[in-house]
Amino acid sequence: MPRSTNSHVTYATKAKKPFKRKNRNTGVVLTAASGTVGLGGLAFFADDLKHRYVAVERSGRVLTTLAVCINDYRVTLKHEPQTEEEGSSILKACHKRCAERTLRTIEKNGSIFIKLGQHLSSMNYLLPTEWTETFVPLQDKCPVSSYESISQMFLEETGQPISDLFDDFQKLPIGAASLAQVHVARMKETGQKVAVKIQHPALGEWVPLDMALTRFAFATLKRVFPAYDLSWLSDEMEASLPQELDFNLEAANARRMKEYFKNIHDAPLVIPDVKCSSKRILVMEFISGHRPDDLEFIDSNGIDRDEVSAALSRIFNEMIFGDGAPLHCDPHGGNIAIRKNTTRRKPNFDIILYDHGLYRDIPKQIRRDYAHLWLAVINADEQNMRKYAREVAGITDEQFPLFASAITGRDYRVVTKSVVSARSDTEKEEIAGAMSDGMLQDLVQLLGSVPRIMLLILKTNDLTRSLDENLHTRQGPVHTFMILARYCSRTVLQEQLELIKGHGSFLWPPNFFRGLGALGSYWRVELRLSLYEYWLSLRRMVGLEVRHLN
């Protein structure tokens, strides 16, 4: 039985009809029933045959594409080019051919392959440009299930037709993703406008096969090209997919996030209310907005881009460093919206967060070590960077330069000087060049060795960094790093006070002085950041460009 936040908003189960007494036409009824069973058996056999045929077809596409791409790379890598430019050009062409073949297979198979392709398209720190750019269309090119199929699934899931629960149910979805699509409707009993998220009906039929094919593909690639072990991608997908396919869990995540941020007033976060849910259906309050990269909407409504950037930074840093906070692990542009809010002066906007299927809890010690790591990065303290990279992810000194670049998205030479500055085009080109020159292999091996929770934190960092860059703010990343430093400093202070408390009363002289030292370090950071923030505001007032925090 699906859950409901309101007692009057529920799905009713279909009542069973009572058995009827046999009558004198029993023979006729039995004869008709026998014929029906026979036809039903034939129909079942036909459906089973069709399922097997489609399964072979889906598997064939994946296996054929895998074999052709492996052979293409083998032939390309054996080729001996006359010049370095020729070798690079040949390899890029191979990347492009294989990416286009894979894209065609993903589009034909749909299902979770679309989700995998979307994930790969955002991994520009790991995959060649030819792959990530080829997969970009998958971000907006998701399958749409027919109204007839979702109506049937709705009836099977709830025991009621759509018309019993909703008025004005729009047959065309307002949005479609790899796992589900969203329709606008009105609750029949209350008249409230809602968003009805419905899982693609065909998904359940193919998920087991598609996950097996994904595992096989990555395992085969690992055997053929041992240096490029991406099997951790399929492992993470296998762990997270059951959660994303359970909309009851998504409803619980949304409620938890809403409750957590209820009293955090400097984060203008809006989570739509959950009305009711089942495993494959989620009904939420309808709240619309504009994508965070819709700069025309932001500017025309007098919304400050820098304030949007700061709000996003506070929200996601709270998720990472807040005590007991859940982490939303899929904050791409399609899951976030901005809307104008005229009920307050600052900030004059709300940030709406959708899609709560993939959540994680960060263990307290990892959160604290991660705070130490980022304070060291911001202060360009290489010794402590290395120390806490080892604590948080088991990173060796040899792996550290690559790990530092991975968590910051910056050239290592920049990380050891001042990470608080905008990435130049030259720096981006140098990073891309390093990837093609062999760093990619090292990064693949590195990411395969770090804890799974760190992969999700890195993914969240990468997506939020992309959101911030797309806003093209006046301050660049300076203000967001200041906000990050405040959260890290607060987390470290909490850790120090907790350690002191473990040694007895704060009034005991040694504890008292340790506490004063911890508070002194915290307030020194706060004072430095406040003074720098004041200096930034003065520069903005006179129209000077912000450079970086020294």
Protein backbone atom coordinates (compact mmCIF):
# COMPACT_ATOMS: atom_id res chain seq x y z
CA MET A 1 0.00 0.00 0.00
CA PRO A 2 1.55 3.32 -1.00
CA ARG A 3 2.22 5.78 1.78
CA SER A 4 0.63 9.18 2.16
CA THR A 5 1.53 12.26 4.16
CA ASN A 6 -2.17 13.08 4.50
CA SER A 7 -4.68 10.52 5.68
CA HIS A 8 -7.15 11.49 2.97
CA VAL A 9 -4.62 11.08 0.15
CA THR A 10 -4.16 7.36 -0.37
CA TYR A 11 -4.43 4.73 -3.03
CA ALA A 12 -7.22 2.22 -2.41
CA THR A 13 -6.77 -1.46 -3.17
CA LYS A 14 -9.14 -3.08 -5.62
CA ALA A 15 -11.84 -5.12 -3.87
CA LYS A 16 -12.06 -8.77 -4.80
CA LYS A 17 -15.33 -10.02 -6.20
CA PRO A 18 -16.97 -12.88 -4.23
CA PHE A 19 -17.05 -16.37 -5.75
CA LYS A 20 -20.34 -17.27 -7.48
CA ARG A 21 -22.22 -20.53 -7.08
CA LYS A 22 -22.13 -22.87 -10.09
CA ASN A 23 -25.41 -23.14 -12.09
CA ARG A 24 -26.85 -25.45 -14.74
CA ASN A 25 -24.73 -23.81 -17.42
CA THR A 26 -21.61 -25.10 -15.72
CA GLY A 27 -20.62 -27.22 -18.73
CA VAL A 28 -20.84 -24.25 -21.06
CA VAL A 29 -18.87 -22.11 -18.61
CA LEU A 30 -16.17 -24.77 -18.22
CA THR A 31 -15.90 -25.18 -21.98
CA ALA A 32 -15.53 -21.43 -22.42
CA ALA A 33 -13.04 -21.29 -19.57
CA SER A 34 -10.97 -24.07 -21.15
CA GLY A 35 -10.84 -22.16 -24.39
CA THR A 36 -9.81 -19.00 -22.55
CA VAL A 37 -7.05 -20.84 -20.71
CA GLY A 38 -5.82 -22.26 -24.00
CA LEU A 39 -5.76 -18.85 -25.60
CA GLY A 40 -4.11 -17.44 -22.47
CA GLY A 41 -1.44 -20.11 -22.67
CA LEU A 42 -0.77 -19.27 -26.29
CA ALA A 43 -0.62 -15.56 -25.43
CA PHE A 44 1.82 -16.26 -22.59
CA PHE A 45 3.98 -18.38 -24.89
CA ALA A 46 3.93 -15.63 -27.51
CA ASP A 47 4.87 -13.00 -24.92
CA ASP A 48 7.66 -15.18 -23.57
CA LEU A 49 8.96 -15.80 -27.11
CA LYS A 50 8.87 -12.07 -27.82
CA HIS A 51 10.73 -11.34 -24.57
CA ARG A 52 13.44 -13.85 -25.45
CA TYR A 53 13.78 -12.42 -28.95
CA VAL A 54 14.15 -8.85 -27.65
CA ALA A 55 16.58 -10.01 -24.97
CA VAL A 56 18.79 -11.63 -27.62
CA GLU A 57 18.51 -8.47 -29.74
CA ARG A 58 19.51 -6.18 -26.83
CA SER A 59 22.39 -8.45 -25.85
CA GLY A 60 23.53 -8.72 -29.46
CA ARG A 61 23.75 -4.95 -29.84
CA VAL A 62 25.91 -4.60 -26.72
CA LEU A 63 28.20 -7.53 -27.50
CA THR A 64 28.63 -6.53 -31.16
CA THR A 65 29.44 -2.91 -30.27
CA LEU A 66 31.86 -4.08 -27.58
CA ALA A 67 33.69 -6.44 -29.95
CA VAL A 68 33.91 -3.91 -32.79
CA CYS A 69 35.20 -1.15 -30.48
CA ILE A 70 37.81 -3.40 -28.86
CA ASN A 71 39.07 -4.45 -32.28
CA ASP A 72 39.09 -0.82 -33.47
CA TYR A 73 41.24 0.25 -30.50
CA ARG A 74 43.57 -2.73 -30.91
CA VAL A 75 44.20 -1.93 -34.57
CA THR A 76 44.61 1.79 -33.84
CA LEU A 77 47.04 1.26 -30.94
CA LYS A 78 49.18 -1.13 -33.05
CA HIS A 79 49.53 1.49 -35.78
CA GLU A 80 52.95 3.18 -35.86
CA PRO A 81 52.44 6.85 -36.80
CA GLN A 82 55.16 8.88 -38.47
CA THR A 83 54.63 11.91 -36.22
CA GLU A 84 53.12 12.65 -32.80
CA GLU A 85 50.41 14.76 -34.48
CA GLU A 86 49.45 11.86 -36.74
CA GLY A 87 49.23 9.49 -33.78
CA SER A 88 47.03 11.91 -31.84
CA SER A 89 44.76 12.45 -34.84
CA ILE A 90 44.34 8.70 -35.47
CA LEU A 91 43.53 8.02 -31.80
CA LYS A 92 40.99 10.89 -31.66
CA ALA A 93 39.28 9.49 -34.76
CA CYS A 94 39.11 6.05 -33.10
CA HIS A 95 37.62 7.62 -29.94
CA LYS A 96 34.98 9.33 -32.06
CA ARG A 97 34.04 6.21 -34.06
CA CYS A 98 33.69 4.08 -30.93
CA ALA A 99 31.73 6.76 -29.07
CA GLU A 100 29.25 7.10 -31.95
CA ARG A 101 28.79 3.30 -32.18
CA THR A 102 28.18 3.13 -28.44
CA LEU A 103 25.75 6.06 -28.57
CA ARG A 104 23.64 4.28 -31.20
CA THR A 105 23.48 1.14 -29.02
CA ILE A 106 22.56 3.17 -25.92
CA GLU A 107 19.76 4.96 -27.78
CA LYS A 108 18.34 1.72 -29.18
CA ASN A 109 18.49 -0.20 -25.88
CA GLY A 110 17.37 2.71 -23.67
CA SER A 111 16.64 1.67 -20.07
CA ILE A 112 19.59 2.05 -17.69
CA PHE A 113 21.99 2.44 -20.62
CA ILE A 114 20.69 6.01 -20.99
CA LYS A 115 21.57 6.69 -17.36
CA LEU A 116 25.02 5.19 -17.81
CA GLY A 117 25.57 7.34 -20.90
CA GLN A 118 24.47 10.47 -19.01
CA HIS A 119 26.95 9.68 -16.26
CA LEU A 120 29.75 9.13 -18.77
CA SER A 121 28.96 12.41 -20.53
CA SER A 122 29.73 14.33 -17.32
CA MET A 123 33.07 12.56 -16.74
CA ASN A 124 35.17 14.99 -18.74
CA TYR A 125 37.88 14.66 -16.07
CA LEU A 126 38.24 10.97 -16.94
CA LEU A 127 37.14 10.23 -20.51
CA PRO A 128 38.43 11.64 -23.82
CA THR A 129 36.53 14.67 -25.14
CA GLU A 130 35.31 12.67 -28.13
CA TRP A 131 33.39 10.37 -25.77
CA THR A 132 31.92 12.97 -23.41
CA GLU A 133 30.84 15.36 -26.19
CA THR A 134 29.27 12.54 -28.21
CA PHE A 135 27.19 11.51 -25.18
CA VAL A 136 25.96 15.06 -24.35
CA PRO A 137 22.68 14.63 -26.34
CA LEU A 138 21.69 11.89 -23.87
CA GLN A 139 21.22 14.58 -21.19
CA ASP A 140 18.10 15.82 -23.02
CA LYS A 141 17.22 12.76 -25.09
CA CYS A 142 15.39 10.39 -22.79
CA PRO A 143 12.71 7.83 -23.69
CA VAL A 144 9.04 8.72 -23.24
CA SER A 145 6.63 5.94 -22.28
CA SER A 146 3.19 5.99 -23.87
CA TYR A 147 0.17 7.12 -21.86
CA GLU A 148 -1.41 3.70 -22.40
CA SER A 149 1.58 1.91 -20.85
CA ILE A 150 1.76 4.16 -17.79
CA SER A 151 -2.02 3.91 -17.31
CA GLN A 152 -1.76 0.13 -17.21
CA MET A 153 1.21 0.26 -14.83
CA PHE A 154 -0.62 2.76 -12.60
CA LEU A 155 -3.59 0.38 -12.37
CA GLU A 156 -1.32 -2.55 -11.52
CA GLU A 157 0.58 -0.52 -8.91
CA THR A 158 -2.34 1.14 -7.11
CA GLY A 159 -5.41 -0.91 -7.98
CA GLN A 160 -7.09 2.23 -9.33
CA PRO A 161 -7.15 4.00 -12.69
CA ILE A 162 -5.50 7.40 -12.98
CA SER A 163 -8.89 9.10 -13.32
CA ASP A 164 -9.94 7.95 -9.82
CA LEU A 165 -7.14 9.94 -8.18
CA PHE A 166 -6.45 12.84 -10.51
CA ASP A 167 -8.24 15.47 -12.55
CA ASP A 168 -6.60 17.16 -15.54
CA PHE A 169 -3.88 14.53 -15.81
CA GLN A 170 -1.70 15.75 -18.69
CA LYS A 171 -1.00 12.85 -21.01
CA LEU A 172 2.23 14.35 -22.32
CA PRO A 173 4.98 14.47 -19.68
CA ILE A 174 6.64 17.81 -18.86
CA GLY A 175 9.92 15.99 -18.41
CA ALA A 176 11.43 12.58 -19.07
CA ALA A 177 14.54 11.06 -17.55
CA SER A 178 16.27 7.73 -17.98
CA LEU A 179 14.26 6.02 -15.22
CA ALA A 180 10.98 7.93 -15.10
CA GLN A 181 8.84 10.72 -16.52
CA VAL A 182 6.81 13.47 -14.85
CA HIS A 183 3.20 14.44 -15.58
CA VAL A 184 1.26 17.41 -14.24
CA ALA A 185 -2.15 16.73 -12.69
CA ARG A 186 -4.57 17.90 -9.98
CA MET A 187 -5.50 15.82 -6.95
CA LYS A 188 -9.16 14.88 -7.30
CA GLU A 189 -9.96 15.37 -3.60
CA THR A 190 -8.05 18.59 -2.92
CA GLY A 191 -7.65 20.22 -6.35
CA GLN A 192 -3.96 20.80 -5.63
CA LYS A 193 -1.61 20.89 -8.62
CA VAL A 194 0.94 18.08 -8.37
CA ALA A 195 3.81 16.50 -10.24
CA VAL A 196 3.33 12.76 -10.77
CA LYS A 197 6.59 10.91 -11.29
CA ILE A 198 6.03 7.53 -12.92
CA GLN A 199 8.70 4.92 -13.57
CA HIS A 200 9.02 3.73 -17.15
CA PRO A 201 6.91 0.53 -17.23
CA ALA A 202 9.41 -1.43 -19.35
CA LEU A 203 12.27 -0.70 -16.97
CA GLY A 204 11.67 -3.58 -14.57
CA GLU A 205 11.63 -6.09 -17.41
CA TRP A 206 15.15 -5.24 -18.60
CA VAL A 207 17.10 -3.98 -15.56
CA PRO A 208 18.52 -7.41 -14.54
CA LEU A 209 19.67 -8.20 -18.09
CA ASP A 210 21.02 -4.69 -18.69
CA MET A 211 23.00 -4.69 -15.43
CA ALA A 212 24.49 -8.09 -16.36
CA LEU A 213 25.46 -6.73 -19.78
CA THR A 214 27.00 -3.62 -18.18
CA ARG A 215 29.05 -5.75 -15.76
CA PHE A 216 30.18 -8.00 -18.60
CA ALA A 217 31.17 -5.06 -20.81
CA PHE A 218 33.33 -3.39 -18.14
CA ALA A 219 34.83 -6.73 -17.04
CA THR A 220 35.76 -7.50 -20.68
CA LEU A 221 37.36 -4.08 -21.11
CA LYS A 222 39.36 -4.69 -17.94
CA ARG A 223 40.62 -8.04 -19.28
CA VAL A 224 41.56 -6.63 -22.68
CA PHE A 225 42.93 -3.29 -21.43
CA PRO A 226 43.97 -3.93 -17.78
CA ALA A 227 45.25 -0.38 -17.33
CA TYR A 228 41.75 1.03 -17.93
CA ASP A 229 39.72 -0.65 -15.21
CA LEU A 230 36.32 1.05 -15.11
CA SER A 231 34.55 -1.82 -13.37
CA TRP A 232 34.01 0.43 -10.33
CA LEU A 233 31.50 2.32 -12.47
CA SER A 234 29.29 -0.73 -12.88
CA ASP A 235 29.81 -1.62 -9.19
CA GLU A 236 28.58 1.81 -8.10
CA MET A 237 25.68 1.69 -10.54
CA GLU A 238 24.67 -1.75 -9.27
CA ALA A 239 24.70 -0.44 -5.69
CA SER A 240 22.78 2.77 -6.39
CA LEU A 241 20.23 1.62 -8.97
CA PRO A 242 17.95 -0.33 -6.59
CA GLN A 243 17.68 2.79 -4.44
CA GLU A 244 16.84 5.01 -7.40
CA LEU A 245 14.18 2.55 -8.57
CA ASP A 246 12.37 2.61 -5.20
CA PHE A 247 10.24 5.77 -5.11
CA ASN A 248 9.21 5.05 -1.51
CA LEU A 249 12.86 5.56 -0.62
CA GLU A 250 13.01 8.72 -2.73
CA ALA A 251 9.97 10.07 -0.86
CA ALA A 252 11.69 9.37 2.47
CA ASN A 253 14.87 11.11 1.24
CA ALA A 254 12.90 14.20 0.17
CA ARG A 255 11.15 14.41 3.54
CA ARG A 256 14.45 14.01 5.37
CA MET A 257 16.16 16.73 3.33
CA LYS A 258 13.22 19.10 3.84
CA GLU A 259 13.28 18.50 7.59
CA TYR A 260 17.06 18.99 7.81
CA PHE A 261 17.03 22.36 6.00
CA LYS A 262 13.88 23.61 7.76
CA ASN A 263 15.85 25.75 10.25
CA ILE A 264 18.82 26.69 8.04
CA HIS A 265 17.76 30.18 7.03
CA ASP A 266 20.80 31.23 4.96
CA ALA A 267 20.08 28.45 2.44
CA PRO A 268 16.96 29.30 0.37
CA LEU A 269 16.30 25.66 -0.47
CA VAL A 270 12.83 24.45 -1.46
CA ILE A 271 11.93 20.75 -1.48
CA PRO A 272 8.46 20.00 -2.92
CA ASP A 273 6.12 18.32 -0.41
CA VAL A 274 5.59 14.60 -0.88
CA LYS A 275 1.88 13.75 -1.16
CA CYS A 276 2.05 9.98 -1.57
CA SER A 277 4.28 7.29 -3.01
CA SER A 278 4.58 3.69 -4.05
CA LYS A 279 7.57 1.75 -5.34
CA ARG A 280 7.10 3.07 -8.91
CA ILE A 281 4.97 6.21 -8.44
CA LEU A 282 5.75 9.43 -6.57
CA VAL A 283 3.30 12.34 -6.19
CA MET A 284 4.76 15.67 -5.08
CA GLU A 285 3.72 19.29 -4.85
CA PHE A 286 4.15 20.99 -8.23
CA ILE A 287 6.83 23.70 -8.04
CA SER A 288 8.41 24.98 -11.24
CA GLY A 289 11.45 27.11 -11.94
CA HIS A 290 14.20 27.77 -14.46
CA ARG A 291 17.47 25.94 -14.95
CA PRO A 292 20.42 27.48 -13.07
CA ASP A 293 22.18 28.16 -16.38
CA ASP A 294 19.23 30.20 -17.71
CA LEU A 295 21.15 33.45 -17.33
CA GLU A 296 18.55 35.44 -19.27
CA PHE A 297 15.87 34.57 -16.67
CA ILE A 298 18.24 35.27 -13.76
CA ASP A 299 19.37 38.65 -15.10
CA SER A 300 15.94 39.83 -16.29
CA ASN A 301 14.45 39.17 -12.83
CA GLY A 302 17.12 41.12 -10.97
CA ILE A 303 18.62 38.01 -9.39
CA ASP A 304 22.31 38.36 -8.51
CA ARG A 305 24.33 35.53 -10.08
CA ASP A 306 26.88 35.76 -7.27
CA GLU A 307 24.13 35.26 -4.69
CA VAL A 308 22.86 32.20 -6.58
CA SER A 309 26.40 30.81 -6.61
CA ALA A 310 26.80 31.49 -2.89
CA ALA A 311 23.44 29.87 -2.07
CA LEU A 312 24.32 26.73 -4.06
CA SER A 313 27.67 26.60 -2.27
CA ARG A 314 26.06 26.86 1.18
CA ILE A 315 23.47 24.21 0.37
CA PHE A 316 25.90 21.58 -0.88
CA ASN A 317 28.59 22.34 1.70
CA GLU A 318 25.93 21.89 4.38
CA MET A 319 25.12 18.49 2.88
CA ILE A 320 28.79 17.47 2.95
CA PHE A 321 29.88 18.94 6.29
CA GLY A 322 26.62 19.26 8.25
CA ASP A 323 26.29 16.89 11.20
CA GLY A 324 23.73 14.26 10.19
CA ALA A 325 23.04 15.87 6.80
CA PRO A 326 22.11 13.69 3.81
CA LEU A 327 24.08 14.18 0.59
CA HIS A 328 22.22 14.60 -2.71
CA CYS A 329 24.55 12.83 -5.14
CA ASP A 330 23.10 13.94 -8.48
CA PRO A 331 22.97 17.77 -8.51
CA HIS A 332 23.13 18.37 -12.28
CA GLY A 333 21.35 21.27 -13.98
CA GLY A 334 18.21 19.24 -14.68
CA ASN A 335 17.67 18.50 -10.98
CA ILE A 336 17.95 22.11 -9.81
CA ALA A 337 15.72 25.10 -10.61
CA ILE A 338 15.68 28.79 -9.71
CA ARG A 339 12.48 30.74 -9.10
CA LYS A 340 11.87 34.36 -8.19
CA ASN A 341 10.77 35.02 -4.59
CA THR A 342 9.19 38.42 -4.00
CA THR A 343 8.32 37.79 -0.33
CA ARG A 344 11.79 38.76 0.89
CA ARG A 345 14.46 41.22 -0.20
CA LYS A 346 17.54 39.01 0.05
CA PRO A 347 17.92 36.56 -1.40
CA ASN A 348 15.12 37.31 -3.86
CA PHE A 349 15.05 33.75 -5.22
CA ASP A 350 14.55 30.12 -4.18
CA ILE A 351 16.57 27.09 -5.22
CA ILE A 352 14.37 24.07 -5.93
CA LEU A 353 15.90 20.63 -5.63
CA TYR A 354 14.36 17.68 -7.48
CA ASP A 355 15.10 13.95 -7.85
CA HIS A 356 15.97 12.59 -4.42
CA GLY A 357 16.65 9.02 -5.47
CA LEU A 358 20.42 8.90 -4.90
CA TYR A 359 21.40 9.92 -1.37
CA ARG A 360 24.34 8.98 0.83
CA ASP A 361 25.41 9.63 4.42
CA ILE A 362 29.04 10.63 4.86
CA PRO A 363 30.68 9.02 7.93
CA LYS A 364 31.70 11.60 10.53
CA GLN A 365 35.44 10.89 10.37
CA ILE A 366 35.55 11.10 6.56
CA ARG A 367 33.67 14.41 6.76
CA ARG A 368 36.18 15.77 9.27
CA ASP A 369 39.26 14.56 7.40
CA TYR A 370 37.78 16.03 4.23
CA ALA A 371 37.39 19.39 6.00
CA HIS A 372 41.05 19.28 7.07
CA LEU A 373 42.02 18.41 3.49
CA TRP A 374 40.16 21.38 1.99
CA LEU A 375 41.54 23.83 4.58
CA ALA A 376 45.01 22.63 3.59
CA VAL A 377 44.15 23.08 -0.12
CA ILE A 378 42.83 26.61 0.44
CA ASN A 379 45.94 27.50 2.46
CA ALA A 380 48.25 25.83 -0.13
CA ASP A 381 49.61 23.69 2.75
CA GLU A 382 51.02 20.75 0.79
CA GLN A 383 52.20 18.80 3.85
CA ASN A 384 48.70 18.68 5.37
CA MET A 385 47.16 18.12 1.94
CA ARG A 386 49.15 14.92 1.63
CA LYS A 387 48.40 13.89 5.21
CA TYR A 388 44.62 14.22 4.93
CA ALA A 389 44.46 12.83 1.39
CA ARG A 390 45.97 9.69 2.93
CA GLU A 391 43.44 9.78 5.80
CA VAL A 392 40.36 10.38 3.67
CA ALA A 393 41.09 8.15 0.67
CA GLY A 394 44.30 6.17 1.29
CA ILE A 395 46.21 8.31 -1.23
CA THR A 396 49.97 7.69 -1.45
CA ASP A 397 52.55 10.44 -2.04
CA GLU A 398 52.93 9.20 -5.61
CA GLN A 399 49.17 9.43 -6.24
CA PHE A 400 48.73 12.76 -4.46
CA PRO A 401 49.32 15.24 -7.33
CA LEU A 402 46.70 13.47 -9.45
CA PHE A 403 44.23 13.24 -6.53
CA ALA A 404 44.69 16.95 -5.75
CA SER A 405 43.84 17.77 -9.37
CA ALA A 406 40.83 15.43 -9.29
CA ILE A 407 39.18 16.99 -6.20
CA THR A 408 39.83 20.58 -7.28
CA GLY A 409 39.54 20.28 -11.06
CA ARG A 410 42.78 22.27 -11.26
CA ASP A 411 46.34 21.85 -12.47
CA TYR A 412 48.48 20.55 -9.58
CA ARG A 413 50.88 23.49 -9.97
CA VAL A 414 47.95 25.82 -9.27
CA VAL A 415 46.78 23.75 -6.28
CA THR A 416 50.13 24.17 -4.50
CA LYS A 417 50.06 27.97 -4.99
CA SER A 418 46.51 29.34 -4.91
CA VAL A 419 43.48 27.30 -5.90
CA VAL A 420 41.18 30.28 -5.23
CA SER A 421 41.19 31.66 -8.77
CA ALA A 422 39.23 31.12 -11.96
CA ARG A 423 40.38 28.40 -14.37
CA SER A 424 41.90 29.93 -17.48
CA ASP A 425 41.39 28.46 -20.95
CA THR A 426 45.11 27.68 -21.03
CA GLU A 427 44.85 25.67 -17.81
CA LYS A 428 41.86 23.72 -19.16
CA GLU A 429 43.78 22.90 -22.36
CA GLU A 430 46.84 21.79 -20.37
CA ILE A 431 44.71 19.43 -18.23
CA ALA A 432 43.09 17.98 -21.36
CA GLY A 433 46.52 17.56 -22.93
CA ALA A 434 47.85 15.79 -19.84
CA MET A 435 44.94 13.35 -20.01
CA SER A 436 45.73 12.43 -23.57
CA ASP A 437 49.44 12.10 -22.70
CA GLY A 438 48.92 9.22 -20.27
CA MET A 439 47.52 10.73 -17.08
CA LEU A 440 44.13 9.20 -17.92
CA GLN A 441 45.40 5.68 -17.19
CA ASP A 442 46.69 6.77 -13.76
CA LEU A 443 43.41 8.54 -12.95
CA VAL A 444 41.34 5.47 -13.85
CA GLN A 445 43.46 3.34 -11.51
CA LEU A 446 43.28 5.97 -8.78
CA LEU A 447 39.49 6.26 -8.87
CA GLY A 448 39.20 2.49 -8.79
CA SER A 449 41.06 2.43 -5.45
CA VAL A 450 39.36 5.21 -3.45
CA PRO A 451 36.36 4.50 -1.15
CA ARG A 452 32.98 4.50 -2.93
CA ILE A 453 31.70 7.40 -0.80
CA MET A 454 34.63 9.50 -2.04
CA LEU A 455 33.63 8.78 -5.65
CA LEU A 456 30.18 10.21 -4.92
CA ILE A 457 31.66 13.24 -3.13
CA LEU A 458 33.98 13.82 -6.11
CA LYS A 459 31.01 13.49 -8.47
CA THR A 460 29.03 16.03 -6.41
CA ASN A 461 32.02 18.39 -6.35
CA ASP A 462 32.42 18.13 -10.10
CA LEU A 463 28.73 18.79 -10.81
CA THR A 464 28.49 21.76 -8.41
CA ARG A 465 31.72 23.21 -9.83
CA SER A 466 30.14 22.98 -13.30
CA LEU A 467 26.97 24.71 -12.03
CA ASP A 468 29.08 27.53 -10.62
CA GLU A 469 31.16 27.99 -13.78
CA ASN A 470 27.99 28.14 -15.91
CA LEU A 471 26.74 31.11 -13.86
CA HIS A 472 29.71 33.23 -15.03
CA THR A 473 29.79 35.22 -11.79
CA ARG A 474 31.73 38.43 -11.24
CA GLN A 475 33.73 36.95 -8.38
CA GLY A 476 34.63 33.67 -10.04
CA PRO A 477 35.26 30.86 -7.52
CA VAL A 478 36.57 33.23 -4.79
CA HIS A 479 33.34 33.57 -2.82
CA THR A 480 32.49 29.85 -3.04
CA PHE A 481 35.94 28.97 -1.65
CA MET A 482 35.35 31.40 1.21
CA ILE A 483 32.08 29.66 2.03
CA LEU A 484 33.81 26.27 1.79
CA ALA A 485 36.54 27.51 4.18
CA ARG A 486 33.91 28.56 6.73
CA TYR A 487 32.24 25.15 6.67
CA CYS A 488 35.59 23.36 6.95
CA SER A 489 36.72 25.61 9.79
CA ARG A 490 33.46 25.00 11.68
CA THR A 491 33.78 21.21 11.18
CA VAL A 492 37.38 21.20 12.47
CA LEU A 493 36.34 23.29 15.52
CA GLN A 494 33.56 20.81 16.34
CA GLU A 495 36.08 17.96 16.12
CA GLN A 496 38.57 19.74 18.40
CA LEU A 497 35.93 20.62 21.02
CA GLU A 498 34.69 17.03 20.98
CA LEU A 499 38.23 15.72 21.56
CA ILE A 500 38.74 18.18 24.42
CA LYS A 501 35.44 17.16 26.00
CA GLY A 502 36.61 13.54 25.91
CA HIS A 503 39.42 14.49 28.33
CA GLY A 504 37.08 15.87 30.99
CA SER A 505 35.57 19.24 31.90
CA PHE A 506 36.29 22.33 29.82
CA LEU A 507 37.11 24.10 33.12
CA TRP A 508 40.08 21.81 33.75
CA PRO A 509 43.08 24.12 32.98
CA PRO A 510 44.68 22.07 30.18
CA ASN A 511 41.27 21.62 28.50
CA PHE A 512 40.42 25.27 29.02
CA PHE A 513 43.57 26.42 27.21
CA ARG A 514 43.10 23.84 24.46
CA GLY A 515 39.58 25.13 23.98
CA LEU A 516 40.82 28.72 23.81
CA GLY A 517 43.38 27.66 21.20
CA ALA A 518 40.72 25.92 19.09
CA LEU A 519 38.37 28.90 19.30
CA GLY A 520 41.27 31.25 18.53
CA SER A 521 42.14 29.32 15.35
CA TYR A 522 38.48 29.33 14.31
CA TRP A 523 37.99 33.05 14.86
CA ARG A 524 41.26 33.87 13.07
CA VAL A 525 39.84 32.16 9.96
CA GLU A 526 36.50 33.92 10.45
CA LEU A 527 38.15 37.33 10.84
CA ARG A 528 40.34 36.79 7.78
CA LEU A 529 37.35 35.73 5.69
CA SER A 530 35.17 38.60 6.94
CA LEU A 531 37.84 41.17 6.13
CA TYR A 532 38.35 39.65 2.70
CA GLU A 533 34.59 39.61 2.08
CA TYR A 534 34.44 43.33 2.99
CA TRP A 535 37.33 44.00 0.59
CA LEU A 536 35.49 42.13 -2.17
CA SER A 537 32.35 44.21 -1.64
CA LEU A 538 34.41 47.41 -1.93
CA ARG A 539 35.98 46.19 -5.19
CA ARG A 540 32.53 45.34 -6.57
CA MET A 541 31.29 48.81 -5.68
CA VAL A 542 34.06 50.43 -7.74
CA GLY A 543 33.73 47.86 -10.55
CA LEU A 544 37.11 46.15 -10.13
CA GLU A 545 37.57 42.51 -11.14
CA VAL A 546 38.17 40.04 -8.35
CA ARG A 547 41.38 38.04 -8.69
CA HIS A 548 42.17 35.58 -5.92
CA LEU A 549 42.64 35.17 -2.20
CA ASN A 550 46.32 35.20 -1.20
